Protein backbone atom coordinates (compact mmCIF):
# COMPACT_ATOMS: atom_id res chain seq x y z
CA MET A 1 28.06 3.32 6.08
CA SER A 2 29.89 4.91 3.15
CA ASP A 3 27.02 4.43 0.69
CA VAL A 4 24.47 6.30 2.80
CA THR A 5 23.56 9.70 1.39
CA HIS A 6 21.34 12.57 2.59
CA ARG A 7 19.15 14.65 0.28
CA THR A 8 15.81 16.44 0.00
CA LEU A 9 12.83 15.92 -2.29
CA ALA A 10 10.26 18.57 -3.15
CA ILE A 11 6.60 17.52 -3.33
CA GLU A 12 4.08 19.54 -5.34
CA GLY A 13 0.92 20.62 -3.54
CA GLU A 14 -0.09 20.12 0.06
CA PHE A 15 1.46 16.93 1.42
CA SER A 16 1.53 15.24 4.82
CA LEU A 17 3.79 12.25 5.34
CA ALA A 18 1.95 11.34 8.55
CA GLN A 19 -1.49 11.41 6.92
CA THR A 20 -0.20 9.46 3.92
CA CYS A 21 1.62 6.82 5.99
CA GLY A 22 -1.31 5.82 8.17
CA PRO A 23 -1.32 2.32 6.60
CA ALA A 24 2.33 1.80 7.59
CA ALA A 25 1.52 2.72 11.19
CA TRP A 26 -1.64 0.60 11.36
CA VAL A 27 0.30 -2.66 10.86
CA GLY A 28 2.91 -1.69 13.46
CA HIS A 29 6.18 -3.64 13.34
CA ARG A 30 4.72 -6.53 11.36
CA SER A 31 5.53 -5.34 7.85
CA PRO A 32 8.82 -6.75 6.50
CA ARG A 33 9.62 -3.68 4.38
CA HIS A 34 8.09 -0.62 6.04
CA GLN A 35 8.04 0.86 9.51
CA TRP A 36 6.73 4.12 10.88
CA HIS A 37 8.30 5.37 14.07
CA ALA A 38 8.38 8.84 15.66
CA GLY A 39 7.65 10.72 12.46
CA THR A 40 9.94 8.67 10.22
CA LEU A 41 9.11 6.14 7.52
CA THR A 42 11.70 3.45 6.86
CA SER A 43 11.21 1.69 3.53
CA VAL A 44 13.12 -1.17 1.88
CA GLU A 45 12.83 -2.35 -1.73
CA TRP A 46 14.73 -3.75 -4.70
CA GLU A 47 16.60 -1.30 -6.89
CA GLY A 48 17.80 -3.35 -9.83
CA ASP A 49 19.63 -6.32 -8.35
CA ARG A 50 20.30 -4.77 -4.94
CA VAL A 51 18.18 -4.15 -1.85
CA VAL A 52 18.15 -0.51 -0.73
CA TRP A 53 16.62 1.44 2.12
CA ARG A 54 15.32 4.93 2.78
CA LYS A 55 14.51 6.82 5.98
CA VAL A 56 12.07 9.61 5.19
CA ARG A 57 10.90 12.55 7.28
CA GLN A 58 8.71 15.56 6.55
CA ARG A 59 10.59 18.82 6.11
CA PRO A 60 9.21 21.72 8.19
CA ALA A 61 9.11 23.89 5.07
CA GLY A 62 7.55 21.13 2.95
CA GLY A 63 8.90 18.21 0.99
CA LEU A 64 10.94 15.34 2.38
CA ASP A 65 14.31 14.74 4.01
CA ILE A 66 15.65 11.39 2.79
CA MET A 67 18.69 9.37 3.82
CA GLY A 68 19.68 5.87 2.84
CA THR A 69 21.38 3.60 0.35
CA ALA A 70 18.86 4.06 -2.48
CA SER A 71 19.91 6.15 -5.46
CA ALA A 72 18.93 9.79 -5.04
CA GLY A 73 17.91 9.85 -8.69
CA CYS A 74 15.22 7.26 -7.95
CA ASP A 75 13.64 9.19 -5.05
CA ALA A 76 10.98 10.97 -7.11
CA ASP A 77 9.91 7.73 -8.80
CA TRP A 78 9.83 5.94 -5.43
CA ALA A 79 7.70 8.71 -3.90
CA HIS A 80 5.35 8.56 -6.88
CA ARG A 81 4.98 4.76 -6.68
CA VAL A 82 4.93 4.27 -2.90
CA LEU A 83 3.64 7.55 -1.48
CA GLY A 84 1.30 8.43 -4.34
CA THR A 85 2.74 11.92 -4.60
CA GLY A 86 1.34 12.40 -8.10
CA ILE A 87 -2.25 12.00 -6.88
CA ARG A 88 -4.11 14.70 -4.95
CA LEU A 89 -7.44 14.84 -3.19
CA PRO A 90 -10.25 16.23 -5.38
CA GLU A 91 -13.13 18.41 -4.30
CA TYR A 92 -15.95 16.17 -3.08
CA SER A 93 -19.63 17.03 -3.30
CA ASP A 94 -20.43 14.59 -0.49
CA PRO A 95 -20.32 16.82 2.63
CA THR A 96 -19.02 14.10 4.96
CA VAL A 97 -16.08 13.18 2.73
CA ALA A 98 -15.46 16.86 1.90
CA ALA A 99 -15.11 17.57 5.63
CA LEU A 100 -12.59 14.73 5.95
CA ALA A 101 -10.63 16.10 3.00
CA ARG A 102 -10.39 19.42 4.84
CA GLU A 103 -9.25 17.58 7.98
CA TYR A 104 -6.58 15.57 6.13
CA PRO A 105 -5.64 17.79 3.17
CA GLY A 106 -2.15 16.33 2.81
CA LEU A 107 -3.22 12.72 2.38
CA ARG A 108 -1.91 10.84 -0.65
CA PRO A 109 -2.49 7.13 -1.47
CA MET A 110 0.43 5.13 -0.03
CA GLY A 111 0.77 1.80 -1.87
CA ASP A 112 2.88 -1.26 -2.51
CA GLY A 113 4.67 0.30 -5.47
CA SER A 114 3.28 -1.70 -8.41
CA LEU A 115 0.30 -3.74 -9.54
CA PHE A 116 2.44 -6.89 -9.34
CA GLU A 117 3.35 -6.24 -5.71
CA GLY A 118 -0.28 -5.36 -4.98
CA LEU A 119 -1.35 -8.73 -6.37
CA ILE A 120 1.21 -10.60 -4.26
CA THR A 121 0.18 -8.85 -1.04
CA SER A 122 -3.53 -9.23 -1.86
CA ILE A 123 -3.24 -12.98 -2.53
CA ALA A 124 -1.21 -13.40 0.65
CA GLY A 125 -3.87 -11.45 2.57
CA GLN A 126 -6.95 -13.33 1.36
CA SER A 127 -9.43 -14.10 4.15
CA ILE A 128 -7.15 -12.97 6.99
CA SER A 129 -6.73 -9.78 9.02
CA VAL A 130 -4.45 -6.89 8.05
CA ALA A 131 -2.05 -7.83 10.84
CA ALA A 132 -1.97 -11.50 9.84
CA ALA A 133 -1.42 -10.52 6.20
CA ALA A 134 1.64 -8.46 7.17
CA VAL A 135 3.04 -11.44 9.06
CA THR A 136 2.48 -13.66 6.01
CA GLN A 137 4.27 -11.13 3.80
CA ALA A 138 7.18 -11.14 6.25
CA LYS A 139 7.49 -14.93 6.16
CA LEU A 140 7.36 -14.91 2.36
CA SER A 141 9.96 -12.18 2.06
CA ARG A 142 12.41 -13.85 4.46
CA SER A 143 12.51 -16.92 2.23
CA PHE A 144 13.98 -15.00 -0.71
CA SER A 145 16.57 -12.49 0.51
CA GLU A 146 18.97 -11.68 3.31
CA PRO A 147 17.86 -9.01 5.78
CA VAL A 148 18.87 -5.38 5.58
CA THR A 149 19.44 -3.91 9.04
CA VAL A 150 18.45 -0.31 9.68
CA ASP A 151 18.63 1.16 13.20
CA GLY A 152 18.89 -2.33 14.69
CA ARG A 153 15.85 -3.75 12.91
CA ASP A 154 15.91 -6.27 10.07
CA TYR A 155 13.90 -5.61 6.88
CA TRP A 156 13.21 -7.66 3.77
CA PRO A 157 11.77 -6.56 0.40
CA LEU A 158 9.02 -8.52 -1.29
CA PRO A 159 10.37 -11.21 -3.63
CA THR A 160 10.84 -10.27 -7.27
CA ALA A 161 8.80 -11.78 -10.07
CA ALA A 162 11.84 -13.78 -11.20
CA GLN A 163 12.38 -15.20 -7.71
CA LEU A 164 8.75 -16.25 -7.31
CA ALA A 165 8.39 -17.64 -10.83
CA GLU A 166 11.34 -19.96 -10.27
CA ALA A 167 10.47 -20.91 -6.68
CA PRO A 168 9.19 -24.36 -5.67
CA LEU A 169 5.63 -24.16 -4.39
CA GLU A 170 6.87 -25.67 -1.10
CA LEU A 171 9.05 -22.60 -0.54
CA ILE A 172 6.16 -20.18 -1.13
CA ARG A 173 3.98 -22.35 1.11
CA GLN A 174 6.37 -21.75 4.01
CA SER A 175 4.81 -18.31 4.38
CA GLY A 176 1.62 -19.99 5.55
CA VAL A 177 -0.46 -19.56 2.40
CA THR A 178 -2.48 -22.49 1.06
CA TRP A 179 -1.33 -24.57 -1.92
CA LYS A 180 -3.87 -22.81 -4.13
CA ARG A 181 -2.60 -19.38 -3.07
CA ALA A 182 1.00 -20.47 -3.54
CA GLU A 183 0.09 -21.51 -7.09
CA ALA A 184 -1.64 -18.16 -7.64
CA ILE A 185 1.41 -16.22 -6.40
CA ARG A 186 3.75 -18.13 -8.70
CA GLY A 187 1.29 -17.80 -11.58
CA VAL A 188 1.13 -14.01 -11.18
CA ALA A 189 4.93 -13.86 -11.15
CA GLU A 190 5.11 -15.90 -14.36
CA ARG A 191 2.57 -13.60 -16.03
CA GLN A 192 4.53 -10.55 -14.90
CA LEU A 193 7.70 -11.91 -16.49
CA ARG A 194 5.83 -12.63 -19.73
CA GLY A 195 4.39 -9.12 -19.79
CA GLU A 196 0.82 -10.38 -19.49
CA LEU A 197 -0.34 -8.24 -16.55
CA PRO A 198 -1.90 -4.80 -17.10
CA SER A 199 0.46 -1.87 -16.71
CA ASP A 200 0.66 0.18 -13.52
CA ALA A 201 -0.51 3.24 -15.45
CA ASP A 202 -3.61 1.43 -16.72
CA ALA A 203 -4.37 0.11 -13.23
CA ARG A 204 -4.10 3.63 -11.83
CA CYS A 205 -6.23 5.31 -14.50
CA GLU A 206 -8.73 2.56 -15.39
CA PRO A 207 -9.14 0.44 -12.27
CA GLU A 208 -12.50 -1.07 -13.19
CA ARG A 209 -11.22 -2.29 -16.57
CA VAL A 210 -8.10 -3.73 -14.96
CA VAL A 211 -10.13 -5.44 -12.22
CA LYS A 212 -12.23 -7.13 -14.91
CA ALA A 213 -9.05 -8.24 -16.67
CA LEU A 214 -7.62 -9.73 -13.48
CA VAL A 215 -10.74 -11.48 -12.17
CA GLY A 216 -10.74 -15.06 -13.29
CA LEU A 217 -6.98 -15.53 -13.29
CA PRO A 218 -6.13 -18.51 -11.06
CA GLY A 219 -6.60 -17.52 -7.42
CA ILE A 220 -7.82 -13.99 -8.18
CA GLY A 221 -11.38 -13.00 -7.39
CA ARG A 222 -12.93 -9.55 -7.25
CA TRP A 223 -11.70 -8.70 -3.72
CA THR A 224 -8.11 -9.58 -4.62
CA ALA A 225 -8.22 -7.64 -7.89
CA GLU A 226 -9.78 -4.57 -6.25
CA SER A 227 -7.25 -4.68 -3.42
CA ALA A 228 -4.39 -4.94 -5.90
CA VAL A 229 -5.34 -1.79 -7.80
CA LEU A 230 -6.20 0.10 -4.61
CA TRP A 231 -3.10 -0.79 -2.60
CA GLY A 232 -0.74 -1.78 -5.39
CA VAL A 233 -0.77 1.49 -7.34
CA GLY A 234 -3.03 3.74 -5.25
CA ALA A 235 -5.68 3.98 -7.99
CA PRO A 236 -7.83 6.98 -6.98
CA ASP A 237 -11.17 5.46 -8.03
CA ALA A 238 -10.69 1.81 -7.04
CA HIS A 239 -13.46 0.75 -4.69
CA PRO A 240 -12.97 -1.97 -2.04
CA THR A 241 -16.36 -3.68 -2.25
CA GLY A 242 -17.10 -5.73 0.85
CA ASP A 243 -14.48 -4.10 3.07
CA VAL A 244 -15.76 -4.40 6.63
CA ALA A 245 -13.28 -1.84 8.01
CA LEU A 246 -14.56 0.71 5.49
CA LEU A 247 -18.13 -0.10 6.52
CA ARG A 248 -17.17 0.46 10.16
CA ALA A 249 -15.51 3.77 9.25
CA ALA A 250 -18.52 4.93 7.21
CA LYS A 251 -20.98 4.04 9.96
CA ALA A 252 -19.01 6.26 12.35
CA ALA A 253 -18.38 9.16 9.95
CA TYR A 254 -21.95 9.33 8.66
CA ALA A 255 -23.49 8.47 12.05
CA ARG A 256 -25.45 5.74 10.27
CA PRO A 257 -25.31 2.47 12.19
CA ASP A 258 -27.85 1.05 9.72
CA LEU A 259 -25.36 1.05 6.81
CA THR A 260 -24.74 -2.30 5.13
CA LEU A 261 -22.10 -3.30 2.62
CA LYS A 262 -24.71 -3.02 -0.13
CA THR A 263 -25.84 0.46 0.86
CA LEU A 264 -22.19 1.48 1.29
CA ASP A 265 -21.53 0.62 -2.36
CA LEU A 266 -24.45 2.85 -3.33
CA LEU A 267 -23.20 5.64 -1.08
CA ALA A 268 -19.74 5.37 -2.64
CA GLU A 269 -21.14 6.31 -6.05
CA ALA A 270 -21.17 9.90 -4.80
CA TRP A 271 -17.39 9.69 -4.25
CA ARG A 272 -16.56 9.20 -7.93
CA PRO A 273 -14.11 9.75 -9.55
CA ALA A 274 -12.02 9.23 -6.41
CA ARG A 275 -13.72 6.50 -4.38
CA ALA A 276 -10.44 5.01 -3.16
CA LEU A 277 -9.23 8.35 -1.83
CA ALA A 278 -12.56 8.76 -0.03
CA ALA A 279 -12.07 5.31 1.49
CA ARG A 280 -8.61 6.30 2.68
CA LEU A 281 -10.02 9.43 4.29
CA LEU A 282 -12.61 7.34 6.11
CA TRP A 283 -10.02 4.79 7.25
CA THR A 284 -7.75 7.61 8.43
CA LYS A 285 -10.58 9.12 10.46
CA LEU A 286 -11.26 5.73 12.05
CA PHE A 287 -7.69 4.57 12.73
CA GLY A 288 -5.84 7.88 12.77
CA PRO A 289 -2.90 9.20 10.76
CA ALA A 290 0.58 7.99 11.59
CA PRO A 291 1.68 9.46 14.96
CA THR A 292 4.49 12.00 14.81
CA GLY A 293 5.61 11.94 18.45
CA GLU A 294 7.81 9.55 20.42
CA LYS A 295 4.90 7.46 21.71
CA GLY A 296 5.23 5.30 18.64
CA ILE A 297 2.90 3.15 16.66
CA THR A 298 -0.80 2.55 16.52
CA THR A 299 -2.23 -0.81 15.47
CA MET A 300 -5.41 -1.90 13.76
């Protein structure tokens, strides 16, 4: 294709695409807009009024090799929003998490790309598994745009705020969400268009304040708000209270089968000011980083 370009992007500090892209591998082929395969991340999103794609690989000497239809001038912003390249692991005093940071030193917080997108994926994923949530996202995305085909596979970006705000609830419901969640998705889109949602920068830097601001909006409870700041913008200190996969990971890493969700929250206080990055380290230890060989994709 004539509009496909090849370029490189430098990343400051130690960076591992495979460690960062574990979440893309864990959902396998279910995500409508991401796929990890044989050391390559394929990512699709809106760029203005067009849908663009990137194929991204780690450079042996560091940084990224990128090809695709997205504007090269937007690569650094995309990497910052989606791969969390502006956020690095801190030094942890907790010896268990510190050991994981040494094991996965190149991990950055991969995310949805914005607080708005984090809210949409979190509402769509309420009370269902990670795999089922990815399927729901795919059904939602297919209702709002034509597919983009990359290497024989079709991809769809998440709908824009304008698309969702103007959509009939019946159309949003076709994704499989309940009426109440369809109303919440459209309500979030309307608030985004009116400029009533917190900024991505605030969500990244002050996750607890932003969670408090979001809780109580129609269809948004604490789990949804926490998930949105954690996965939407990769907030370093967001904490996923009540996450059973994190509890499972902590039980294994700390060799403490007696841990409960309550005691996990207390344990997580030692991870401040980067509780979310500690959670990602624990999840990565449990589920593994993205595989780099030809054997393909792991699933949760």
